[in-house]
C-alpha atoms as a PDB file:
ATOM      1  CA  UNK A   1       0.000   0.004  -0.004  1.00  0.00           C
ATOM      2  CA  UNK A   2       1.613   3.223  -1.201  1.00  0.00           C
ATOM      3  CA  UNK A   3       0.546   5.506   1.613  1.00  0.00           C
ATOM      4  CA  UNK A   4       2.224   3.412   4.325  1.00  0.00           C
ATOM      5  CA  UNK A   5       5.630   4.867   3.368  1.00  0.00           C
ATOM      6  CA  UNK A   6       4.857   8.497   4.281  1.00  0.00           C
ATOM      7  CA  UNK A   7       6.585   9.765   7.424  1.00  0.00           C
ATOM      8  CA  UNK A   8       4.134  10.150  10.312  1.00  0.00           C
ATOM      9  CA  UNK A   9       5.365  13.736  10.899  1.00  0.00           C
ATOM     10  CA  UNK A  10       4.098  14.650   7.432  1.00  0.00           C
ATOM     11  CA  UNK A  11       0.731  12.907   7.551  1.00  0.00           C
ATOM     12  CA  UNK A  12      -0.925  15.844   9.302  1.00  0.00           C
ATOM     13  CA  UNK A  13      -0.812  19.162   7.479  1.00  0.00           C
ATOM     14  CA  UNK A  14      -1.573  21.842  10.044  1.00  0.00           C
ATOM     15  CA  UNK A  15      -3.681  24.620   8.511  1.00  0.00           C
ATOM     16  CA  UNK A  16      -2.332  28.011   9.550  1.00  0.00           C
ATOM     17  CA  UNK A  17      -5.622  29.852   9.125  1.00  0.00           C
ATOM     18  CA  UNK A  18      -4.694  33.039  10.978  1.00  0.00           C
ATOM     19  CA  UNK A  19      -4.964  36.756  10.242  1.00  0.00           C
ATOM     20  CA  UNK A  20      -1.578  37.577  11.789  1.00  0.00           C
ATOM     21  CA  UNK A  21       1.770  36.148  10.737  1.00  0.00           C
ATOM     22  CA  UNK A  22       3.096  36.264  14.309  1.00  0.00           C
ATOM     23  CA  UNK A  23       0.215  34.096  15.528  1.00  0.00           C
ATOM     24  CA  UNK A  24       0.789  31.597  12.733  1.00  0.00           C
ATOM     25  CA  UNK A  25       4.489  31.368  13.489  1.00  0.00           C
ATOM     26  CA  UNK A  26       3.875  30.843  17.193  1.00  0.00           C
ATOM     27  CA  UNK A  27       1.567  27.936  16.324  1.00  0.00           C
ATOM     28  CA  UNK A  28       4.292  26.444  14.142  1.00  0.00           C
ATOM     29  CA  UNK A  29       6.740  26.613  17.034  1.00  0.00           C
ATOM     30  CA  UNK A  30       4.241  24.789  19.237  1.00  0.00           C
ATOM     31  CA  UNK A  31       3.675  22.023  16.687  1.00  0.00           C
ATOM     32  CA  UNK A  32       6.918  21.567  14.780  1.00  0.00           C
ATOM     33  CA  UNK A  33       8.383  18.936  17.083  1.00  0.00           C
ATOM     34  CA  UNK A  34       5.558  16.633  15.944  1.00  0.00           C
ATOM     35  CA  UNK A  35       4.565  17.995  12.519  1.00  0.00           C
ATOM     36  CA  UNK A  36       6.654  18.936   9.512  1.00  0.00           C
ATOM     37  CA  UNK A  37       3.964  20.008   7.025  1.00  0.00           C
ATOM     38  CA  UNK A  38       1.905  23.227   7.157  1.00  0.00           C
ATOM     39  CA  UNK A  39      -0.783  24.805   5.005  1.00  0.00           C
ATOM     40  CA  UNK A  40      -0.793  28.474   4.085  1.00  0.00           C
ATOM     41  CA  UNK A  41      -4.181  29.518   2.769  1.00  0.00           C
ATOM     42  CA  UNK A  42      -5.672  32.660   1.326  1.00  0.00           C
ATOM     43  CA  UNK A  43      -6.141  34.491   4.640  1.00  0.00           C
ATOM     44  CA  UNK A  44      -2.550  34.184   5.832  1.00  0.00           C
ATOM     45  CA  UNK A  45      -1.118  34.660   2.352  1.00  0.00           C
ATOM     46  CA  UNK A  46      -2.871  38.027   2.083  1.00  0.00           C
ATOM     47  CA  UNK A  47      -1.195  39.094   5.328  1.00  0.00           C
ATOM     48  CA  UNK A  48       2.421  38.773   4.213  1.00  0.00           C
ATOM     49  CA  UNK A  49       2.459  37.081   0.816  1.00  0.00           C
ATOM     50  CA  UNK A  50       5.421  34.668   0.635  1.00  0.00           C
ATOM     51  CA  UNK A  51       7.098  35.750   3.882  1.00  0.00           C
ATOM     52  CA  UNK A  52       5.611  32.997   6.043  1.00  0.00           C
ATOM     53  CA  UNK A  53       5.997  30.449   3.237  1.00  0.00           C
ATOM     54  CA  UNK A  54       9.698  31.286   2.986  1.00  0.00           C
ATOM     55  CA  UNK A  55      10.043  31.227   6.786  1.00  0.00           C
ATOM     56  CA  UNK A  56       8.511  27.744   6.983  1.00  0.00           C
ATOM     57  CA  UNK A  57      10.740  26.360   4.257  1.00  0.00           C
ATOM     58  CA  UNK A  58      13.831  27.904   5.862  1.00  0.00           C
ATOM     59  CA  UNK A  59      12.942  25.979   9.047  1.00  0.00           C
ATOM     60  CA  UNK A  60      12.922  22.742   7.081  1.00  0.00           C
ATOM     61  CA  UNK A  61       9.156  22.310   6.803  1.00  0.00           C
ATOM     62  CA  UNK A  62       7.021  21.416   3.802  1.00  0.00           C
ATOM     63  CA  UNK A  63       4.345  23.824   2.623  1.00  0.00           C
ATOM     64  CA  UNK A  64       0.973  23.311   1.023  1.00  0.00           C
ATOM     65  CA  UNK A  65       0.047  26.619  -0.608  1.00  0.00           C
ATOM     66  CA  UNK A  66      -3.726  26.507  -0.725  1.00  0.00           C
ATOM     67  CA  UNK A  67      -4.768  29.383  -3.003  1.00  0.00           C
ATOM     68  CA  UNK A  68      -7.135  27.387  -5.232  1.00  0.00           C
ATOM     69  CA  UNK A  69      -6.188  29.238  -8.414  1.00  0.00           C
ATOM     70  CA  UNK A  70      -9.201  29.914 -10.622  1.00  0.00           C
ATOM     71  CA  UNK A  71      -9.220  32.391 -13.484  1.00  0.00           C
ATOM     72  CA  UNK A  72      -8.835  32.409 -17.240  1.00  0.00           C
ATOM     73  CA  UNK A  73      -6.224  29.769 -18.210  1.00  0.00           C
ATOM     74  CA  UNK A  74      -3.477  32.221 -19.203  1.00  0.00           C
ATOM     75  CA  UNK A  75      -3.734  34.014 -15.861  1.00  0.00           C
ATOM     76  CA  UNK A  76      -3.581  30.711 -13.989  1.00  0.00           C
ATOM     77  CA  UNK A  77      -0.569  29.661 -16.042  1.00  0.00           C
ATOM     78  CA  UNK A  78       1.289  32.849 -15.158  1.00  0.00           C
ATOM     79  CA  UNK A  79       0.295  32.614 -11.509  1.00  0.00           C
ATOM     80  CA  UNK A  80       1.571  29.050 -11.220  1.00  0.00           C
ATOM     81  CA  UNK A  81       4.855  30.148 -12.791  1.00  0.00           C
ATOM     82  CA  UNK A  82       5.216  32.724  -9.994  1.00  0.00           C
ATOM     83  CA  UNK A  83       5.149  29.926  -7.405  1.00  0.00           C
ATOM     84  CA  UNK A  84       7.793  27.816  -9.122  1.00  0.00           C
ATOM     85  CA  UNK A  85      11.199  27.771  -7.436  1.00  0.00           C
ATOM     86  CA  UNK A  86       9.741  28.932  -4.083  1.00  0.00           C
ATOM     87  CA  UNK A  87      10.165  25.515  -2.487  1.00  0.00           C
ATOM     88  CA  UNK A  88       6.422  24.858  -2.175  1.00  0.00           C
ATOM     89  CA  UNK A  89       5.564  21.145  -2.055  1.00  0.00           C
ATOM     90  CA  UNK A  90       1.842  21.247  -2.902  1.00  0.00           C
ATOM     91  CA  UNK A  91      -0.163  23.930  -4.736  1.00  0.00           C
ATOM     92  CA  UNK A  92      -3.942  23.855  -5.120  1.00  0.00           C
ATOM     93  CA  UNK A  93      -5.934  24.813  -8.198  1.00  0.00           C
ATOM     94  CA  UNK A  94      -9.580  24.414  -9.110  1.00  0.00           C
ATOM     95  CA  UNK A  95     -10.475  21.179 -10.881  1.00  0.00           C
ATOM     96  CA  UNK A  96     -11.755  22.556 -14.200  1.00  0.00           C
ATOM     97  CA  UNK A  97     -10.179  21.041 -17.292  1.00  0.00           C
ATOM     98  CA  UNK A  98      -8.862  24.299 -18.795  1.00  0.00           C
ATOM     99  CA  UNK A  99      -7.428  25.407 -15.442  1.00  0.00           C
ATOM    100  CA  UNK A 100      -5.680  22.058 -15.003  1.00  0.00           C
ATOM    101  CA  UNK A 101      -4.138  22.182 -18.481  1.00  0.00           C
ATOM    102  CA  UNK A 102      -2.818  25.691 -17.942  1.00  0.00           C
ATOM    103  CA  UNK A 103      -1.383  24.921 -14.500  1.00  0.00           C
ATOM    104  CA  UNK A 104       0.277  21.678 -15.593  1.00  0.00           C
ATOM    105  CA  UNK A 105       1.952  23.492 -18.477  1.00  0.00           C
ATOM    106  CA  UNK A 106       3.518  26.017 -16.093  1.00  0.00           C
ATOM    107  CA  UNK A 107       4.486  24.007 -13.022  1.00  0.00           C
ATOM    108  CA  UNK A 108       8.031  23.218 -11.990  1.00  0.00           C
ATOM    109  CA  UNK A 109       8.946  20.621  -9.378  1.00  0.00           C
ATOM    110  CA  UNK A 110       6.013  21.191  -7.033  1.00  0.00           C
ATOM    111  CA  UNK A 111       2.974  18.935  -7.075  1.00  0.00           C
ATOM    112  CA  UNK A 112      -0.400  20.216  -8.262  1.00  0.00           C
ATOM    113  CA  UNK A 113      -3.580  19.287  -6.434  1.00  0.00           C
ATOM    114  CA  UNK A 114      -6.983  19.844  -7.993  1.00  0.00           C
ATOM    115  CA  UNK A 115      -9.745  20.829  -5.603  1.00  0.00           C
ATOM    116  CA  UNK A 116     -12.780  18.706  -6.421  1.00  0.00           C
ATOM    117  CA  UNK A 117     -15.664  19.930  -4.243  1.00  0.00           C
ATOM    118  CA  UNK A 118     -15.149  22.040  -1.107  1.00  0.00           C
ATOM    119  CA  UNK A 119     -15.838  20.195   2.133  1.00  0.00           C
ATOM    120  CA  UNK A 120     -18.295  22.970   3.061  1.00  0.00           C
ATOM    121  CA  UNK A 121     -20.498  21.875   0.120  1.00  0.00           C
ATOM    122  CA  UNK A 122     -23.476  19.584   0.548  1.00  0.00           C
ATOM    123  CA  UNK A 123     -26.041  17.992  -1.758  1.00  0.00           C
ATOM    124  CA  UNK A 124     -28.411  20.834  -0.948  1.00  0.00           C
ATOM    125  CA  UNK A 125     -25.817  23.379  -2.103  1.00  0.00           C
ATOM    126  CA  UNK A 126     -25.520  21.548  -5.425  1.00  0.00           C
ATOM    127  CA  UNK A 127     -29.281  21.597  -5.895  1.00  0.00           C
ATOM    128  CA  UNK A 128     -29.350  25.338  -5.217  1.00  0.00           C
ATOM    129  CA  UNK A 129     -26.813  25.772  -8.027  1.00  0.00           C
ATOM    130  CA  UNK A 130     -29.057  23.781 -10.364  1.00  0.00           C
ATOM    131  CA  UNK A 131     -26.625  20.862 -10.583  1.00  0.00           C
ATOM    132  CA  UNK A 132     -27.970  17.332 -10.925  1.00  0.00           C
ATOM    133  CA  UNK A 133     -26.472  14.299  -9.193  1.00  0.00           C
ATOM    134  CA  UNK A 134     -24.816  13.989  -5.814  1.00  0.00           C
ATOM    135  CA  UNK A 135     -21.595  15.271  -4.292  1.00  0.00           C
ATOM    136  CA  UNK A 136     -19.723  11.977  -4.458  1.00  0.00           C
ATOM    137  CA  UNK A 137     -20.300  11.555  -8.180  1.00  0.00           C
ATOM    138  CA  UNK A 138     -19.211  15.140  -8.835  1.00  0.00           C
ATOM    139  CA  UNK A 139     -16.035  14.598  -6.825  1.00  0.00           C
ATOM    140  CA  UNK A 140     -15.260  11.381  -8.669  1.00  0.00           C
ATOM    141  CA  UNK A 141     -15.838  12.962 -12.064  1.00  0.00           C
ATOM    142  CA  UNK A 142     -13.626  15.964 -11.329  1.00  0.00           C
ATOM    143  CA  UNK A 143     -10.920  13.767  -9.824  1.00  0.00           C
ATOM    144  CA  UNK A 144     -10.749  11.606 -12.938  1.00  0.00           C
ATOM    145  CA  UNK A 145     -10.467  14.721 -15.103  1.00  0.00           C
ATOM    146  CA  UNK A 146      -7.728  16.141 -12.875  1.00  0.00           C
ATOM    147  CA  UNK A 147      -5.533  13.032 -12.887  1.00  0.00           C
ATOM    148  CA  UNK A 148      -6.027  12.463 -16.615  1.00  0.00           C
ATOM    149  CA  UNK A 149      -5.021  16.096 -17.170  1.00  0.00           C
ATOM    150  CA  UNK A 150      -1.716  15.696 -15.356  1.00  0.00           C
ATOM    151  CA  UNK A 151      -2.429  16.759 -11.779  1.00  0.00           C
ATOM    152  CA  UNK A 152      -0.426  14.923  -9.144  1.00  0.00           C
ATOM    153  CA  UNK A 153      -3.465  14.443  -6.956  1.00  0.00           C
ATOM    154  CA  UNK A 154      -6.685  15.891  -5.632  1.00  0.00           C
ATOM    155  CA  UNK A 155      -8.207  17.485  -2.572  1.00  0.00           C
ATOM    156  CA  UNK A 156     -11.472  15.947  -1.423  1.00  0.00           C
ATOM    157  CA  UNK A 157     -13.449  15.131   1.662  1.00  0.00           C
ATOM    158  CA  UNK A 158     -12.308  11.968   3.388  1.00  0.00           C
ATOM    159  CA  UNK A 159     -15.825  10.637   2.788  1.00  0.00           C
ATOM    160  CA  UNK A 160     -14.914  10.253  -0.908  1.00  0.00           C
ATOM    161  CA  UNK A 161     -11.434   8.814  -0.310  1.00  0.00           C
ATOM    162  CA  UNK A 162     -12.329   5.143  -0.667  1.00  0.00           C
ATOM    163  CA  UNK A 163     -14.279   5.724  -3.887  1.00  0.00           C
ATOM    164  CA  UNK A 164     -11.417   7.769  -5.332  1.00  0.00           C
ATOM    165  CA  UNK A 165      -8.861   5.078  -4.538  1.00  0.00           C
ATOM    166  CA  UNK A 166     -11.085   2.599  -6.338  1.00  0.00           C
ATOM    167  CA  UNK A 167     -11.273   4.890  -9.353  1.00  0.00           C
ATOM    168  CA  UNK A 168      -7.717   6.186  -9.488  1.00  0.00           C
ATOM    169  CA  UNK A 169      -5.526   3.538  -7.864  1.00  0.00           C
ATOM    170  CA  UNK A 170      -2.666   4.243  -5.469  1.00  0.00           C
ATOM    171  CA  UNK A 171      -0.558   6.702  -7.452  1.00  0.00           C
ATOM    172  CA  UNK A 172      -2.382  10.058  -7.196  1.00  0.00           C
ATOM    173  CA  UNK A 173      -1.823  12.051  -4.011  1.00  0.00           C
ATOM    174  CA  UNK A 174      -5.015  12.273  -1.960  1.00  0.00           C
ATOM    175  CA  UNK A 175      -5.284  15.154   0.524  1.00  0.00           C
ATOM    176  CA  UNK A 176      -8.332  15.322   2.770  1.00  0.00           C
ATOM    177  CA  UNK A 177      -9.433  18.334   4.838  1.00  0.00           C
ATOM    178  CA  UNK A 178     -12.406  18.324   7.191  1.00  0.00           C
ATOM    179  CA  UNK A 179     -10.676  16.037   9.710  1.00  0.00           C
ATOM    180  CA  UNK A 180     -12.026  16.024  13.260  1.00  0.00           C
ATOM    181  CA  UNK A 181     -10.896  14.230  16.431  1.00  0.00           C
ATOM    182  CA  UNK A 182     -12.724  10.950  17.005  1.00  0.00           C
ATOM    183  CA  UNK A 183     -14.356  12.110  20.221  1.00  0.00           C
ATOM    184  CA  UNK A 184     -15.913  15.181  18.547  1.00  0.00           C
ATOM    185  CA  UNK A 185     -16.907  13.762  15.178  1.00  0.00           C
ATOM    186  CA  UNK A 186     -20.571  13.582  16.177  1.00  0.00           C
ATOM    187  CA  UNK A 187     -22.362  16.807  16.924  1.00  0.00           C
ATOM    188  CA  UNK A 188     -19.577  19.135  15.821  1.00  0.00           C
ATOM    189  CA  UNK A 189     -21.041  22.329  14.350  1.00  0.00           C
ATOM    190  CA  UNK A 190     -18.960  24.444  11.978  1.00  0.00           C
ATOM    191  CA  UNK A 191     -18.733  25.214   8.251  1.00  0.00           C
ATOM    192  CA  UNK A 192     -17.261  21.802   7.372  1.00  0.00           C
ATOM    193  CA  UNK A 193     -20.125  19.494   6.432  1.00  0.00           C
ATOM    194  CA  UNK A 194     -18.399  16.366   5.116  1.00  0.00           C
ATOM    195  CA  UNK A 195     -16.042  15.424   7.946  1.00  0.00           C
ATOM    196  CA  UNK A 196     -14.354  12.245   9.209  1.00  0.00           C
ATOM    197  CA  UNK A 197     -11.775  11.216  11.773  1.00  0.00           C
ATOM    198  CA  UNK A 198      -8.067  10.828  11.053  1.00  0.00           C
ATOM    199  CA  UNK A 199      -8.237   7.048  11.342  1.00  0.00           C
ATOM    200  CA  UNK A 200     -11.237   6.814   9.016  1.00  0.00           C
ATOM    201  CA  UNK A 201      -9.523   9.010   6.418  1.00  0.00           C
ATOM    202  CA  UNK A 202      -6.351   6.932   6.393  1.00  0.00           C
ATOM    203  CA  UNK A 203      -8.341   3.693   6.258  1.00  0.00           C
ATOM    204  CA  UNK A 204     -10.145   5.092   3.234  1.00  0.00           C
ATOM    205  CA  UNK A 205      -6.873   5.720   1.400  1.00  0.00           C
ATOM    206  CA  UNK A 206      -5.970   9.327   2.202  1.00  0.00           C
ATOM    207  CA  UNK A 207      -2.275  10.236   2.099  1.00  0.00           C
ATOM    208  CA  UNK A 208      -2.331  13.561   3.934  1.00  0.00           C
ATOM    209  CA  UNK A 209      -4.846  15.062   6.358  1.00  0.00           C
ATOM    210  CA  UNK A 210      -5.356  18.814   6.594  1.00  0.00           C
ATOM    211  CA  UNK A 211      -6.309  19.785  10.160  1.00  0.00           C
ATOM    212  CA  UNK A 212      -6.951  23.344  11.291  1.00  0.00           C
ATOM    213  CA  UNK A 213      -9.194  24.352  14.179  1.00  0.00           C
ATOM    214  CA  UNK A 214      -9.121  21.046  16.115  1.00  0.00           C
ATOM    215  CA  UNK A 215      -5.376  21.642  16.530  1.00  0.00           C
ATOM    216  CA  UNK A 216      -4.918  25.404  16.305  1.00  0.00           C
ATOM    217  CA  UNK A 217      -7.769  26.251  18.688  1.00  0.00           C
ATOM    218  CA  UNK A 218      -7.002  23.503  21.166  1.00  0.00           C
ATOM    219  CA  UNK A 219      -5.716  24.320  24.635  1.00  0.00           C
ATOM    220  CA  UNK A 220      -3.014  21.696  24.071  1.00  0.00           C
ATOM    221  CA  UNK A 221      -2.305  21.340  20.310  1.00  0.00           C
ATOM    222  CA  UNK A 222       0.450  18.796  20.953  1.00  0.00           C
ATOM    223  CA  UNK A 223      -1.944  16.490  22.747  1.00  0.00           C
ATOM    224  CA  UNK A 224      -4.445  16.630  19.856  1.00  0.00           C
ATOM    225  CA  UNK A 225      -1.674  15.875  17.382  1.00  0.00           C
ATOM    226  CA  UNK A 226      -0.510  12.923  19.474  1.00  0.00           C
ATOM    227  CA  UNK A 227      -4.031  11.457  19.553  1.00  0.00           C
ATOM    228  CA  UNK A 228      -4.415  11.852  15.787  1.00  0.00           C
ATOM    229  CA  UNK A 229      -1.024  10.241  15.236  1.00  0.00           C
ATOM    230  CA  UNK A 230      -2.230   7.284  17.298  1.00  0.00           C
ATOM    231  CA  UNK A 231      -5.365   7.038  15.146  1.00  0.00           C
ATOM    232  CA  UNK A 232      -3.304   7.137  11.959  1.00  0.00           C
ATOM    233  CA  UNK A 233      -0.831   4.504  13.191  1.00  0.00           C
ATOM    234  CA  UNK A 234      -3.682   2.218  14.233  1.00  0.00           C
ATOM    235  CA  UNK A 235      -5.393   2.592  10.842  1.00  0.00           C
ATOM    236  CA  UNK A 236      -2.176   1.767   9.000  1.00  0.00           C
ATOM    237  CA  UNK A 237      -1.606  -1.282  11.190  1.00  0.00           C
ATOM    238  CA  UNK A 238      -4.989  -2.798  10.294  1.00  0.00           C
END
């Protein structure tokens, strides 16, 4: 099984969803003994552009730059080219065919991940947009397009992980946000609608798990990370 070989320190990608660079960097210092992969999203990137990205890489960490590029293909192509040679490990783009083609043509050594359907989306949201079918089928369709177009992997809810592994095999990178601690999976209320636990995600075939608030808003982030690591190790041992 391909995803058994990933270092446990890199399984969890801690989402640095903060509006101040100093706060984000303090969280990194609290977590970096256990985690070596961090996500910089739109909010933090707008604070200081590449400064925190460069700081993370200088400390020896991997970075997922989660900007979900979406524009006309030429603009996306040029934007991806701006990220090349920055040391970023994973870059997200939207999973439309023309966007994928443009991004793949411009990328360097970093891996491209196509966002399938946001984890905040539900079947009701799709119906409101006038789209037929269900979320899982939309995710599977977009994932197949992304991998066929040259993306290195996809971002999806962990609830679709098993179906995607069946469709795509072991090679594409599968990154799953919307991860919650086992003891709070039921009854958790926030903007993530399609959530699962770390163990469930790994059992389903996920490679990397993006975790934000359950870690960054915890009184003891290290303790939450340790519990999730235990879940991941147990899932891999099954």
